[in-house]
Every structure is written in structure tokens, then in C-alpha cells.
Amino acid sequence: MESGPAIFAGAVFALFGAGLAVWTATRLRQGLPVAHGVRPAASATLAGVAALAALAAGAWCFLQL
């Protein structure tokens, strides 16, 4: 992978994953739903898994440099 696209993709994945993790944690700390119309445990789990997957994809992109 060329370094320019790898850096861009890694940054996008890392920022999205970090933003989603912070947003999910903030919503849970305030006692607000993560997703409307879904059980709180299921929506928090799914959002947490998506955040970790995005952070892992960002790390993988940065490791390809």
C-alpha cells in the first residue's frame, strides 16, 4: 500500500473509531440511549464493537507503512 493512501485511511478509521468510542461512553455515562428503539445493552455493545473494529482497521493501515 502506498504511504499517502495508508496514512489517509488510517487517520479516517482512527478518528471515526475514537469519536464513536467517546460518543458511546458519553451517552452511557449520562444514561441516555445509544440508539433509539433498541435495547441499551445491545446498542452499546454494537457501537463498542464497531469502534474497536474501526480502531483496529486504523492501526492495521498505519502498520502497513
PDB file of N, CA and C in Angstrom:
ATOM      1  N   MET A   1       0.850  -1.166   0.000  1.00  0.00           N
ATOM      2  CA  MET A   1       0.000   0.000   0.000  1.00  0.00           C
ATOM      3  C   MET A   1       0.898   1.231   0.000  1.00  0.00           C
ATOM      4  N   GLU A   2       0.566   2.187  -0.811  1.00  0.00           N
ATOM      5  CA  GLU A   2       1.350   3.419  -0.843  1.00  0.00           C
ATOM      6  C   GLU A   2       1.144   4.184   0.455  1.00  0.00           C
ATOM      7  N   SER A   3       2.130   4.984   0.815  1.00  0.00           N
ATOM      8  CA  SER A   3       2.075   5.633   2.124  1.00  0.00           C
ATOM      9  C   SER A   3       0.993   6.709   2.217  1.00  0.00           C
ATOM     10  N   GLY A   4       0.735   7.453   1.147  1.00  0.00           N
ATOM     11  CA  GLY A   4      -0.286   8.502   1.201  1.00  0.00           C
ATOM     12  C   GLY A   4      -1.677   7.973   1.494  1.00  0.00           C
ATOM     13  N   PRO A   5      -2.164   7.008   0.691  1.00  0.00           N
ATOM     14  CA  PRO A   5      -3.483   6.444   0.988  1.00  0.00           C
ATOM     15  C   PRO A   5      -3.542   5.706   2.326  1.00  0.00           C
ATOM     16  N   ALA A   6      -2.446   5.076   2.726  1.00  0.00           N
ATOM     17  CA  ALA A   6      -2.444   4.359   4.006  1.00  0.00           C
ATOM     18  C   ALA A   6      -2.578   5.338   5.163  1.00  0.00           C
ATOM     19  N   ILE A   7      -1.883   6.459   5.076  1.00  0.00           N
ATOM     20  CA  ILE A   7      -1.975   7.462   6.141  1.00  0.00           C
ATOM     21  C   ILE A   7      -3.382   8.046   6.190  1.00  0.00           C
ATOM     22  N   PHE A   8      -3.959   8.362   5.031  1.00  0.00           N
ATOM     23  CA  PHE A   8      -5.309   8.932   4.994  1.00  0.00           C
ATOM     24  C   PHE A   8      -6.333   7.946   5.547  1.00  0.00           C
ATOM     25  N   ALA A   9      -6.286   6.703   5.068  1.00  0.00           N
ATOM     26  CA  ALA A   9      -7.252   5.696   5.525  1.00  0.00           C
ATOM     27  C   ALA A   9      -7.071   5.418   7.012  1.00  0.00           C
ATOM     28  N   GLY A  10      -5.826   5.320   7.467  1.00  0.00           N
ATOM     29  CA  GLY A  10      -5.580   5.080   8.887  1.00  0.00           C
ATOM     30  C   GLY A  10      -6.100   6.207   9.754  1.00  0.00           C
ATOM     31  N   ALA A  11      -5.903   7.449   9.292  1.00  0.00           N
ATOM     32  CA  ALA A  11      -6.396   8.592  10.053  1.00  0.00           C
ATOM     33  C   ALA A  11      -7.921   8.619  10.107  1.00  0.00           C
ATOM     34  N   VAL A  12      -8.556   8.316   8.982  1.00  0.00           N
ATOM     35  CA  VAL A  12     -10.026   8.307   8.945  1.00  0.00           C
ATOM     36  C   VAL A  12     -10.580   7.239   9.874  1.00  0.00           C
ATOM     37  N   PHE A  13     -10.044   6.021   9.782  1.00  0.00           N
ATOM     38  CA  PHE A  13     -10.515   4.941  10.656  1.00  0.00           C
ATOM     39  C   PHE A  13     -10.260   5.268  12.128  1.00  0.00           C
ATOM     40  N   ALA A  14      -9.076   5.782  12.434  1.00  0.00           N
ATOM     41  CA  ALA A  14      -8.739   6.081  13.823  1.00  0.00           C
ATOM     42  C   ALA A  14      -9.628   7.188  14.384  1.00  0.00           C
ATOM     43  N   LEU A  15      -9.851   8.244  13.617  1.00  0.00           N
ATOM     44  CA  LEU A  15     -10.716   9.329  14.094  1.00  0.00           C
ATOM     45  C   LEU A  15     -12.160   8.868  14.263  1.00  0.00           C
ATOM     46  N   PHE A  16     -12.657   8.080  13.314  1.00  0.00           N
ATOM     47  CA  PHE A  16     -14.030   7.576  13.442  1.00  0.00           C
ATOM     48  C   PHE A  16     -14.157   6.659  14.648  1.00  0.00           C
ATOM     49  N   GLY A  17     -13.215   5.742  14.822  1.00  0.00           N
ATOM     50  CA  GLY A  17     -13.269   4.813  15.953  1.00  0.00           C
ATOM     51  C   GLY A  17     -13.187   5.528  17.287  1.00  0.00           C
ATOM     52  N   ALA A  18     -12.280   6.492  17.379  1.00  0.00           N
ATOM     53  CA  ALA A  18     -12.141   7.246  18.627  1.00  0.00           C
ATOM     54  C   ALA A  18     -13.392   8.090  18.892  1.00  0.00           C
ATOM     55  N   GLY A  19     -13.907   8.722  17.864  1.00  0.00           N
ATOM     56  CA  GLY A  19     -15.121   9.531  18.035  1.00  0.00           C
ATOM     57  C   GLY A  19     -16.313   8.691  18.456  1.00  0.00           C
ATOM     58  N   LEU A  20     -16.467   7.537  17.839  1.00  0.00           N
ATOM     59  CA  LEU A  20     -17.578   6.657  18.188  1.00  0.00           C
ATOM     60  C   LEU A  20     -17.430   6.134  19.606  1.00  0.00           C
ATOM     61  N   ALA A  21     -16.216   5.801  20.013  1.00  0.00           N
ATOM     62  CA  ALA A  21     -15.989   5.306  21.375  1.00  0.00           C
ATOM     63  C   ALA A  21     -16.293   6.393  22.404  1.00  0.00           C
ATOM     64  N   VAL A  22     -15.845   7.613  22.144  1.00  0.00           N
ATOM     65  CA  VAL A  22     -16.101   8.720  23.080  1.00  0.00           C
ATOM     66  C   VAL A  22     -17.589   9.029  23.138  1.00  0.00           C
ATOM     67  N   TRP A  23     -18.245   9.066  21.991  1.00  0.00           N
ATOM     68  CA  TRP A  23     -19.678   9.360  21.955  1.00  0.00           C
ATOM     69  C   TRP A  23     -20.474   8.282  22.698  1.00  0.00           C
ATOM     70  N   THR A  24     -20.131   7.015  22.471  1.00  0.00           N
ATOM     71  CA  THR A  24     -20.837   5.920  23.141  1.00  0.00           C
ATOM     72  C   THR A  24     -20.632   5.991  24.649  1.00  0.00           C
ATOM     73  N   ALA A  25     -19.395   6.221  25.073  1.00  0.00           N
ATOM     74  CA  ALA A  25     -19.115   6.307  26.510  1.00  0.00           C
ATOM     75  C   ALA A  25     -19.845   7.487  27.143  1.00  0.00           C
ATOM     76  N   THR A  26     -19.900   8.600  26.453  1.00  0.00           N
ATOM     77  CA  THR A  26     -20.597   9.777  26.978  1.00  0.00           C
ATOM     78  C   THR A  26     -22.085   9.507  27.118  1.00  0.00           C
ATOM     79  N   ARG A  27     -22.678   8.899  26.096  1.00  0.00           N
ATOM     80  CA  ARG A  27     -24.113   8.591  26.171  1.00  0.00           C
ATOM     81  C   ARG A  27     -24.414   7.625  27.315  1.00  0.00           C
ATOM     82  N   LEU A  28     -23.553   6.619  27.490  1.00  0.00           N
ATOM     83  CA  LEU A  28     -23.782   5.655  28.565  1.00  0.00           C
ATOM     84  C   LEU A  28     -23.607   6.302  29.933  1.00  0.00           C
ATOM     85  N   ARG A  29     -22.602   7.165  30.070  1.00  0.00           N
ATOM     86  CA  ARG A  29     -22.349   7.826  31.351  1.00  0.00           C
ATOM     87  C   ARG A  29     -23.515   8.732  31.732  1.00  0.00           C
ATOM     88  N   GLN A  30     -24.149   9.363  30.743  1.00  0.00           N
ATOM     89  CA  GLN A  30     -25.278  10.252  31.012  1.00  0.00           C
ATOM     90  C   GLN A  30     -26.593   9.501  31.154  1.00  0.00           C
ATOM     91  N   GLY A  31     -26.574   8.208  30.881  1.00  0.00           N
ATOM     92  CA  GLY A  31     -27.785   7.405  30.981  1.00  0.00           C
ATOM     93  C   GLY A  31     -28.729   7.579  29.807  1.00  0.00           C
ATOM     94  N   LEU A  32     -28.220   8.100  28.699  1.00  0.00           N
ATOM     95  CA  LEU A  32     -29.034   8.300  27.507  1.00  0.00           C
ATOM     96  C   LEU A  32     -28.878   7.110  26.566  1.00  0.00           C
ATOM     97  N   PRO A  33     -29.874   6.861  25.716  1.00  0.00           N
ATOM     98  CA  PRO A  33     -29.755   5.721  24.801  1.00  0.00           C
ATOM     99  C   PRO A  33     -28.692   5.967  23.737  1.00  0.00           C
ATOM    100  N   VAL A  34     -28.007   4.905  23.351  1.00  0.00           N
ATOM    101  CA  VAL A  34     -27.013   4.986  22.284  1.00  0.00           C
ATOM    102  C   VAL A  34     -27.731   5.000  20.935  1.00  0.00           C
ATOM    103  N   ALA A  35     -28.786   4.197  20.817  1.00  0.00           N
ATOM    104  CA  ALA A  35     -29.612   4.175  19.614  1.00  0.00           C
ATOM    105  C   ALA A  35     -31.074   4.109  20.055  1.00  0.00           C
ATOM    106  N   HIS A  36     -31.918   4.887  19.438  1.00  0.00           N
ATOM    107  CA  HIS A  36     -33.326   4.919  19.811  1.00  0.00           C
ATOM    108  C   HIS A  36     -34.042   3.680  19.287  1.00  0.00           C
ATOM    109  N   GLY A  37     -34.877   3.089  20.139  1.00  0.00           N
ATOM    110  CA  GLY A  37     -35.686   1.952  19.747  1.00  0.00           C
ATOM    111  C   GLY A  37     -34.960   0.619  19.835  1.00  0.00           C
ATOM    112  N   VAL A  38     -33.782   0.604  20.425  1.00  0.00           N
ATOM    113  CA  VAL A  38     -33.002  -0.628  20.557  1.00  0.00           C
ATOM    114  C   VAL A  38     -32.656  -0.795  22.030  1.00  0.00           C
ATOM    115  N   ARG A  39     -32.535  -2.042  22.474  1.00  0.00           N
ATOM    116  CA  ARG A  39     -32.169  -2.273  23.873  1.00  0.00           C
ATOM    117  C   ARG A  39     -30.830  -1.599  24.162  1.00  0.00           C
ATOM    118  N   PRO A  40     -30.693  -0.957  25.308  1.00  0.00           N
ATOM    119  CA  PRO A  40     -29.451  -0.230  25.626  1.00  0.00           C
ATOM    120  C   PRO A  40     -28.200  -1.101  25.605  1.00  0.00           C
ATOM    121  N   ALA A  41     -28.302  -2.311  26.127  1.00  0.00           N
ATOM    122  CA  ALA A  41     -27.121  -3.179  26.158  1.00  0.00           C
ATOM    123  C   ALA A  41     -26.703  -3.581  24.754  1.00  0.00           C
ATOM    124  N   ALA A  42     -27.676  -3.884  23.903  1.00  0.00           N
ATOM    125  CA  ALA A  42     -27.356  -4.303  22.541  1.00  0.00           C
ATOM    126  C   ALA A  42     -26.764  -3.158  21.728  1.00  0.00           C
ATOM    127  N   SER A  43     -27.331  -1.969  21.869  1.00  0.00           N
ATOM    128  CA  SER A  43     -26.818  -0.843  21.084  1.00  0.00           C
ATOM    129  C   SER A  43     -25.437  -0.414  21.559  1.00  0.00           C
ATOM    130  N   ALA A  44     -25.199  -0.449  22.860  1.00  0.00           N
ATOM    131  CA  ALA A  44     -23.881  -0.088  23.379  1.00  0.00           C
ATOM    132  C   ALA A  44     -22.829  -1.117  22.965  1.00  0.00           C
ATOM    133  N   THR A  45     -23.205  -2.380  22.983  1.00  0.00           N
ATOM    134  CA  THR A  45     -22.283  -3.435  22.569  1.00  0.00           C
ATOM    135  C   THR A  45     -21.940  -3.305  21.099  1.00  0.00           C
ATOM    136  N   LEU A  46     -22.933  -3.100  20.266  1.00  0.00           N
ATOM    137  CA  LEU A  46     -22.692  -2.976  18.832  1.00  0.00           C
ATOM    138  C   LEU A  46     -21.852  -1.742  18.515  1.00  0.00           C
ATOM    139  N   ALA A  47     -22.131  -0.636  19.176  1.00  0.00           N
ATOM    140  CA  ALA A  47     -21.345   0.581  18.956  1.00  0.00           C
ATOM    141  C   ALA A  47     -19.911   0.387  19.446  1.00  0.00           C
ATOM    142  N   GLY A  48     -19.730  -0.302  20.542  1.00  0.00           N
ATOM    143  CA  GLY A  48     -18.388  -0.571  21.057  1.00  0.00           C
ATOM    144  C   GLY A  48     -17.587  -1.472  20.126  1.00  0.00           C
ATOM    145  N   VAL A  49     -18.245  -2.487  19.599  1.00  0.00           N
ATOM    146  CA  VAL A  49     -17.576  -3.384  18.651  1.00  0.00           C
ATOM    147  C   VAL A  49     -17.205  -2.632  17.375  1.00  0.00           C
ATOM    148  N   ALA A  50     -18.092  -1.783  16.899  1.00  0.00           N
ATOM    149  CA  ALA A  50     -17.794  -1.001  15.692  1.00  0.00           C
ATOM    150  C   ALA A  50     -16.636  -0.039  15.941  1.00  0.00           C
ATOM    151  N   ALA A  51     -16.584   0.562  17.125  1.00  0.00           N
ATOM    152  CA  ALA A  51     -15.476   1.473  17.452  1.00  0.00           C
ATOM    153  C   ALA A  51     -14.153   0.719  17.510  1.00  0.00           C
ATOM    154  N   LEU A  52     -14.154  -0.433  18.139  1.00  0.00           N
ATOM    155  CA  LEU A  52     -12.929  -1.233  18.204  1.00  0.00           C
ATOM    156  C   LEU A  52     -12.497  -1.720  16.829  1.00  0.00           C
ATOM    157  N   ALA A  53     -13.452  -2.092  15.989  1.00  0.00           N
ATOM    158  CA  ALA A  53     -13.118  -2.535  14.637  1.00  0.00           C
ATOM    159  C   ALA A  53     -12.511  -1.400  13.821  1.00  0.00           C
ATOM    160  N   ALA A  54     -13.049  -0.198  13.963  1.00  0.00           N
ATOM    161  CA  ALA A  54     -12.503   0.946  13.242  1.00  0.00           C
ATOM    162  C   ALA A  54     -11.111   1.292  13.747  1.00  0.00           C
ATOM    163  N   LEU A  55     -10.895   1.233  15.055  1.00  0.00           N
ATOM    164  CA  LEU A  55      -9.567   1.493  15.601  1.00  0.00           C
ATOM    165  C   LEU A  55      -8.563   0.427  15.151  1.00  0.00           C
ATOM    166  N   ALA A  56      -9.010  -0.822  15.077  1.00  0.00           N
ATOM    167  CA  ALA A  56      -8.130  -1.889  14.605  1.00  0.00           C
ATOM    168  C   ALA A  56      -7.793  -1.705  13.127  1.00  0.00           C
ATOM    169  N   ALA A  57      -8.767  -1.287  12.331  1.00  0.00           N
ATOM    170  CA  ALA A  57      -8.507  -1.037  10.906  1.00  0.00           C
ATOM    171  C   ALA A  57      -7.537   0.128  10.738  1.00  0.00           C
ATOM    172  N   GLY A  58      -7.668   1.156  11.553  1.00  0.00           N
ATOM    173  CA  GLY A  58      -6.742   2.272  11.502  1.00  0.00           C
ATOM    174  C   GLY A  58      -5.330   1.847  11.884  1.00  0.00           C
ATOM    175  N   ALA A  59      -5.220   1.038  12.913  1.00  0.00           N
ATOM    176  CA  ALA A  59      -3.902   0.530  13.328  1.00  0.00           C
ATOM    177  C   ALA A  59      -3.288  -0.331  12.234  1.00  0.00           C
ATOM    178  N   TRP A  60      -4.096  -1.164  11.590  1.00  0.00           N
ATOM    179  CA  TRP A  60      -3.595  -2.012  10.518  1.00  0.00           C
ATOM    180  C   TRP A  60      -3.082  -1.149   9.353  1.00  0.00           C
ATOM    181  N   CYS A  61      -3.814  -0.098   9.013  1.00  0.00           N
ATOM    182  CA  CYS A  61      -3.368   0.795   7.935  1.00  0.00           C
ATOM    183  C   CYS A  61      -2.039   1.460   8.281  1.00  0.00           C
ATOM    184  N   PHE A  62      -1.896   1.896   9.533  1.00  0.00           N
ATOM    185  CA  PHE A  62      -0.648   2.538   9.930  1.00  0.00           C
ATOM    186  C   PHE A  62       0.507   1.533   9.970  1.00  0.00           C
ATOM    187  N   LEU A  63       0.221   0.275  10.274  1.00  0.00           N
ATOM    188  CA  LEU A  63       1.272  -0.738  10.298  1.00  0.00           C
ATOM    189  C   LEU A  63       1.742  -1.124   8.903  1.00  0.00           C
ATOM    190  N   GLN A  64       0.967  -0.804   7.883  1.00  0.00           N
ATOM    191  CA  GLN A  64       1.344  -1.127   6.508  1.00  0.00           C
ATOM    192  C   GLN A  64       2.358  -0.145   5.932  1.00  0.00           C
ATOM    193  N   LEU A  65       2.685   0.908   6.649  1.00  0.00           N
ATOM    194  CA  LEU A  65       3.625   1.914   6.150  1.00  0.00           C
ATOM    195  C   LEU A  65       5.027   1.370   6.079  1.00  0.00           C
TER     196      LEU A  65
END
